[in-house]
Amino acid sequence: MICPYCSADDDRVIDSRASEAGLAIRRRRQCNACGRRFTTYERVEETNRLVVIKRDGARVPFKGENILRGVHAACGKRPVPETDKRQLVELVEDELHREFDREVESSVIGERVAARLRDLDEIAYIRFASEHEQFRSVSDIMDTVRQLSERVRDVKDQQKLFDG
């Protein structure tokens, strides 16, 4: 650090602690040349920051809270534990950070959330899909419900094979 008083580049850290907001590290320093003390704040730079490309082409920073808000809306008053909702969001976030370096389309995020919701709660899945896929008519909803019913039937048939 360069001393703000004498411009020397020779100091030592006397004290370090998290700032009040917890977003930075506060360091109390003493210049070895002039002996005066000063405070610096260090912030961790997030280089692995995903950007979401929205439908309209806008680019916004990725925020897991937005996914959680969508999951809460889809689940409504369904009997889905909060821990399951948060775990779903964490799994999707981890997946996205592993697979994408800088940018990810919002449609990809929606597909990942929908796939996990389908396994978590069928009604929440339909609610989420109706928004994500922008259903235009009742027949669109019926097609999705039909596909979901076929999927459930296939899973039950597979269980019978393993159990029987």
C-alpha atoms as a PDB file:
ATOM      1  CA  MET A   1       0.000   0.000   0.000  1.00  0.00           C
ATOM      2  CA  ILE A   2       1.119   3.501  -0.680  1.00  0.00           C
ATOM      3  CA  CYS A   3       0.962   5.759   2.370  1.00  0.00           C
ATOM      4  CA  PRO A   4      -1.536   8.598   1.804  1.00  0.00           C
ATOM      5  CA  TYR A   5       0.689  10.950   3.853  1.00  0.00           C
ATOM      6  CA  CYS A   6       4.254  10.396   2.612  1.00  0.00           C
ATOM      7  CA  SER A   7       3.678   8.173  -0.476  1.00  0.00           C
ATOM      8  CA  ALA A   8       6.071   5.526   0.800  1.00  0.00           C
ATOM      9  CA  ASP A   9       5.368   1.959  -0.230  1.00  0.00           C
ATOM     10  CA  ASP A  10       6.369   0.379   3.078  1.00  0.00           C
ATOM     11  CA  ASP A  11       3.717  -0.376   5.679  1.00  0.00           C
ATOM     12  CA  ARG A  12       2.540  -3.088   8.012  1.00  0.00           C
ATOM     13  CA  VAL A  13      -0.909  -4.300   8.921  1.00  0.00           C
ATOM     14  CA  ILE A  14      -1.792  -3.649  12.568  1.00  0.00           C
ATOM     15  CA  ASP A  15      -5.343  -5.000  12.600  1.00  0.00           C
ATOM     16  CA  SER A  16      -7.697  -6.798  10.178  1.00  0.00           C
ATOM     17  CA  ARG A  17     -11.406  -7.436  10.509  1.00  0.00           C
ATOM     18  CA  ALA A  18     -14.540  -7.725   8.417  1.00  0.00           C
ATOM     19  CA  SER A  19     -16.245  -4.408   7.733  1.00  0.00           C
ATOM     20  CA  GLU A  20     -19.601  -3.653   9.354  1.00  0.00           C
ATOM     21  CA  ALA A  21     -21.520  -4.704   6.247  1.00  0.00           C
ATOM     22  CA  GLY A  22     -19.374  -7.817   5.878  1.00  0.00           C
ATOM     23  CA  LEU A  23     -18.668  -6.988   2.231  1.00  0.00           C
ATOM     24  CA  ALA A  24     -15.041  -5.975   2.697  1.00  0.00           C
ATOM     25  CA  ILE A  25     -12.020  -6.446   4.925  1.00  0.00           C
ATOM     26  CA  ARG A  26     -11.001  -3.436   6.978  1.00  0.00           C
ATOM     27  CA  ARG A  27      -7.251  -3.183   7.569  1.00  0.00           C
ATOM     28  CA  ARG A  28      -5.573  -0.749   9.915  1.00  0.00           C
ATOM     29  CA  ARG A  29      -2.048  -0.026   8.648  1.00  0.00           C
ATOM     30  CA  GLN A  30       1.002   1.857   9.856  1.00  0.00           C
ATOM     31  CA  CYS A  31       3.538   3.396   7.506  1.00  0.00           C
ATOM     32  CA  ASN A  32       7.091   2.283   8.372  1.00  0.00           C
ATOM     33  CA  ALA A  33       8.549   5.476   6.832  1.00  0.00           C
ATOM     34  CA  CYS A  34       6.523   8.228   8.582  1.00  0.00           C
ATOM     35  CA  GLY A  35       4.831   6.206  11.345  1.00  0.00           C
ATOM     36  CA  ARG A  36       1.329   7.485  10.596  1.00  0.00           C
ATOM     37  CA  ARG A  37      -1.661   5.156  10.589  1.00  0.00           C
ATOM     38  CA  PHE A  38      -4.365   4.777   7.960  1.00  0.00           C
ATOM     39  CA  THR A  39      -7.251   2.446   7.121  1.00  0.00           C
ATOM     40  CA  THR A  40      -7.826   0.521   3.920  1.00  0.00           C
ATOM     41  CA  TYR A  41     -10.757  -1.588   2.783  1.00  0.00           C
ATOM     42  CA  GLU A  42     -10.329  -4.629   0.589  1.00  0.00           C
ATOM     43  CA  ARG A  43     -13.134  -6.174  -1.393  1.00  0.00           C
ATOM     44  CA  VAL A  44     -12.991  -9.624  -2.947  1.00  0.00           C
ATOM     45  CA  GLU A  45     -13.445  -9.374  -6.692  1.00  0.00           C
ATOM     46  CA  GLU A  46     -15.861 -11.923  -8.056  1.00  0.00           C
ATOM     47  CA  THR A  47     -14.473 -13.021 -11.387  1.00  0.00           C
ATOM     48  CA  ASN A  48     -16.693 -16.076 -11.842  1.00  0.00           C
ATOM     49  CA  ARG A  49     -19.828 -13.990 -12.209  1.00  0.00           C
ATOM     50  CA  LEU A  50     -22.508 -15.338 -14.528  1.00  0.00           C
ATOM     51  CA  VAL A  51     -24.599 -13.027 -16.653  1.00  0.00           C
ATOM     52  CA  VAL A  52     -28.129 -14.030 -17.635  1.00  0.00           C
ATOM     53  CA  ILE A  53     -29.295 -13.283 -21.170  1.00  0.00           C
ATOM     54  CA  LYS A  54     -32.999 -12.502 -20.937  1.00  0.00           C
ATOM     55  CA  ARG A  55     -35.588 -13.164 -23.680  1.00  0.00           C
ATOM     56  CA  ASP A  56     -35.435  -9.545 -24.813  1.00  0.00           C
ATOM     57  CA  GLY A  57     -31.628  -9.714 -25.118  1.00  0.00           C
ATOM     58  CA  ALA A  58     -30.940  -7.749 -21.933  1.00  0.00           C
ATOM     59  CA  ARG A  59     -28.052  -8.961 -19.819  1.00  0.00           C
ATOM     60  CA  VAL A  60     -28.342  -8.983 -16.026  1.00  0.00           C
ATOM     61  CA  PRO A  61     -26.179 -10.440 -13.247  1.00  0.00           C
ATOM     62  CA  PHE A  62     -27.150 -13.948 -12.158  1.00  0.00           C
ATOM     63  CA  LYS A  63     -28.852 -14.069  -8.764  1.00  0.00           C
ATOM     64  CA  GLY A  64     -29.918 -17.280  -7.076  1.00  0.00           C
ATOM     65  CA  GLU A  65     -32.539 -15.303  -5.151  1.00  0.00           C
ATOM     66  CA  ASN A  66     -34.446 -14.824  -8.407  1.00  0.00           C
ATOM     67  CA  ILE A  67     -34.650 -18.591  -8.897  1.00  0.00           C
ATOM     68  CA  LEU A  68     -35.800 -19.046  -5.303  1.00  0.00           C
ATOM     69  CA  ARG A  69     -38.494 -16.397  -5.791  1.00  0.00           C
ATOM     70  CA  GLY A  70     -39.762 -18.269  -8.875  1.00  0.00           C
ATOM     71  CA  VAL A  71     -39.740 -21.582  -7.013  1.00  0.00           C
ATOM     72  CA  HIS A  72     -41.670 -20.013  -4.121  1.00  0.00           C
ATOM     73  CA  ALA A  73     -44.246 -18.650  -6.551  1.00  0.00           C
ATOM     74  CA  ALA A  74     -44.605 -22.030  -8.269  1.00  0.00           C
ATOM     75  CA  CYS A  75     -44.924 -23.935  -5.013  1.00  0.00           C
ATOM     76  CA  GLY A  76     -47.407 -21.458  -3.543  1.00  0.00           C
ATOM     77  CA  LYS A  77     -49.113 -23.227  -0.657  1.00  0.00           C
ATOM     78  CA  ARG A  78     -48.020 -26.690  -1.764  1.00  0.00           C
ATOM     79  CA  PRO A  79     -46.573 -28.961   0.942  1.00  0.00           C
ATOM     80  CA  VAL A  80     -42.984 -28.540  -0.242  1.00  0.00           C
ATOM     81  CA  PRO A  81     -40.447 -28.057   2.572  1.00  0.00           C
ATOM     82  CA  GLU A  82     -38.357 -24.891   2.445  1.00  0.00           C
ATOM     83  CA  THR A  83     -35.193 -26.976   2.654  1.00  0.00           C
ATOM     84  CA  ASP A  84     -36.172 -28.797  -0.562  1.00  0.00           C
ATOM     85  CA  LYS A  85     -36.774 -25.488  -2.343  1.00  0.00           C
ATOM     86  CA  ARG A  86     -33.398 -24.115  -1.259  1.00  0.00           C
ATOM     87  CA  GLN A  87     -31.648 -27.357  -2.194  1.00  0.00           C
ATOM     88  CA  LEU A  88     -33.224 -27.200  -5.669  1.00  0.00           C
ATOM     89  CA  VAL A  89     -31.876 -23.663  -6.116  1.00  0.00           C
ATOM     90  CA  GLU A  90     -28.398 -24.647  -4.887  1.00  0.00           C
ATOM     91  CA  LEU A  91     -28.265 -27.617  -7.247  1.00  0.00           C
ATOM     92  CA  VAL A  92     -29.270 -25.481 -10.232  1.00  0.00           C
ATOM     93  CA  GLU A  93     -26.766 -22.762  -9.257  1.00  0.00           C
ATOM     94  CA  ASP A  94     -23.922 -25.272  -8.902  1.00  0.00           C
ATOM     95  CA  GLU A  95     -24.829 -26.846 -12.236  1.00  0.00           C
ATOM     96  CA  LEU A  96     -24.852 -23.499 -14.019  1.00  0.00           C
ATOM     97  CA  HIS A  97     -21.540 -22.346 -12.534  1.00  0.00           C
ATOM     98  CA  ARG A  98     -19.915 -25.635 -13.547  1.00  0.00           C
ATOM     99  CA  GLU A  99     -21.221 -25.615 -17.112  1.00  0.00           C
ATOM    100  CA  PHE A 100     -21.150 -21.932 -18.074  1.00  0.00           C
ATOM    101  CA  ASP A 101     -18.211 -19.545 -17.846  1.00  0.00           C
ATOM    102  CA  ARG A 102     -19.733 -16.144 -18.400  1.00  0.00           C
ATOM    103  CA  GLU A 103     -23.222 -16.116 -19.889  1.00  0.00           C
ATOM    104  CA  VAL A 104     -26.290 -18.321 -19.717  1.00  0.00           C
ATOM    105  CA  GLU A 105     -29.676 -17.844 -21.357  1.00  0.00           C
ATOM    106  CA  SER A 106     -32.670 -17.476 -19.059  1.00  0.00           C
ATOM    107  CA  SER A 107     -34.414 -20.267 -20.978  1.00  0.00           C
ATOM    108  CA  VAL A 108     -31.669 -22.698 -19.934  1.00  0.00           C
ATOM    109  CA  ILE A 109     -32.120 -21.711 -16.295  1.00  0.00           C
ATOM    110  CA  GLY A 110     -35.878 -22.165 -16.628  1.00  0.00           C
ATOM    111  CA  GLU A 111     -35.454 -25.625 -18.153  1.00  0.00           C
ATOM    112  CA  ARG A 112     -33.156 -26.706 -15.308  1.00  0.00           C
ATOM    113  CA  VAL A 113     -35.537 -25.421 -12.645  1.00  0.00           C
ATOM    114  CA  ALA A 114     -38.549 -26.997 -14.357  1.00  0.00           C
ATOM    115  CA  ALA A 115     -36.826 -30.384 -14.590  1.00  0.00           C
ATOM    116  CA  ARG A 116     -36.055 -30.372 -10.872  1.00  0.00           C
ATOM    117  CA  LEU A 117     -39.528 -29.095  -9.960  1.00  0.00           C
ATOM    118  CA  ARG A 118     -41.077 -31.914 -11.980  1.00  0.00           C
ATOM    119  CA  ASP A 119     -39.418 -34.398  -9.613  1.00  0.00           C
ATOM    120  CA  LEU A 120     -40.205 -32.334  -6.515  1.00  0.00           C
ATOM    121  CA  ASP A 121     -43.891 -31.466  -6.977  1.00  0.00           C
ATOM    122  CA  GLU A 122     -46.027 -31.980 -10.095  1.00  0.00           C
ATOM    123  CA  ILE A 123     -48.396 -29.073  -9.434  1.00  0.00           C
ATOM    124  CA  ALA A 124     -45.501 -26.688  -8.799  1.00  0.00           C
ATOM    125  CA  TYR A 125     -43.969 -27.935 -12.040  1.00  0.00           C
ATOM    126  CA  ILE A 126     -47.149 -27.156 -14.014  1.00  0.00           C
ATOM    127  CA  ARG A 127     -47.340 -23.693 -12.433  1.00  0.00           C
ATOM    128  CA  PHE A 128     -43.702 -22.978 -13.227  1.00  0.00           C
ATOM    129  CA  ALA A 129     -43.945 -24.400 -16.751  1.00  0.00           C
ATOM    130  CA  SER A 130     -47.014 -22.278 -17.491  1.00  0.00           C
ATOM    131  CA  GLU A 131     -44.942 -19.158 -16.865  1.00  0.00           C
ATOM    132  CA  HIS A 132     -41.619 -20.374 -18.242  1.00  0.00           C
ATOM    133  CA  GLU A 133     -43.031 -21.844 -21.450  1.00  0.00           C
ATOM    134  CA  GLN A 134     -45.579 -19.030 -21.804  1.00  0.00           C
ATOM    135  CA  PHE A 135     -48.581 -21.229 -22.475  1.00  0.00           C
ATOM    136  CA  ARG A 136     -50.946 -19.587 -24.929  1.00  0.00           C
ATOM    137  CA  SER A 137     -53.964 -21.836 -24.457  1.00  0.00           C
ATOM    138  CA  VAL A 138     -55.533 -24.541 -22.331  1.00  0.00           C
ATOM    139  CA  SER A 139     -54.442 -27.122 -24.902  1.00  0.00           C
ATOM    140  CA  ASP A 140     -50.799 -26.186 -24.177  1.00  0.00           C
ATOM    141  CA  ILE A 141     -51.410 -26.925 -20.500  1.00  0.00           C
ATOM    142  CA  MET A 142     -53.236 -30.149 -21.360  1.00  0.00           C
ATOM    143  CA  ASP A 143     -50.291 -31.333 -23.483  1.00  0.00           C
ATOM    144  CA  THR A 144     -47.887 -30.698 -20.619  1.00  0.00           C
ATOM    145  CA  VAL A 145     -50.148 -32.505 -18.133  1.00  0.00           C
ATOM    146  CA  ARG A 146     -50.450 -35.423 -20.560  1.00  0.00           C
ATOM    147  CA  GLN A 147     -46.662 -35.655 -20.891  1.00  0.00           C
ATOM    148  CA  LEU A 148     -46.306 -35.521 -17.126  1.00  0.00           C
ATOM    149  CA  SER A 149     -48.905 -38.275 -16.678  1.00  0.00           C
ATOM    150  CA  GLU A 150     -47.092 -40.486 -19.191  1.00  0.00           C
ATOM    151  CA  ARG A 151     -43.823 -39.881 -17.381  1.00  0.00           C
ATOM    152  CA  VAL A 152     -45.368 -40.818 -14.029  1.00  0.00           C
ATOM    153  CA  ARG A 153     -46.904 -43.935 -15.572  1.00  0.00           C
ATOM    154  CA  ASP A 154     -43.517 -44.958 -17.034  1.00  0.00           C
ATOM    155  CA  VAL A 155     -41.832 -44.514 -13.657  1.00  0.00           C
ATOM    156  CA  LYS A 156     -44.497 -46.642 -11.964  1.00  0.00           C
ATOM    157  CA  ASP A 157     -44.094 -49.357 -14.618  1.00  0.00           C
ATOM    158  CA  GLN A 158     -40.336 -49.386 -14.022  1.00  0.00           C
ATOM    159  CA  GLN A 159     -40.876 -49.664 -10.269  1.00  0.00           C
ATOM    160  CA  LYS A 160     -43.137 -52.671 -10.819  1.00  0.00           C
ATOM    161  CA  LEU A 161     -40.387 -54.377 -12.829  1.00  0.00           C
ATOM    162  CA  PHE A 162     -37.867 -53.869 -10.046  1.00  0.00           C
ATOM    163  CA  ASP A 163     -40.292 -54.773  -7.233  1.00  0.00           C
ATOM    164  CA  GLY A 164     -41.887 -57.750  -8.932  1.00  0.00           C
END
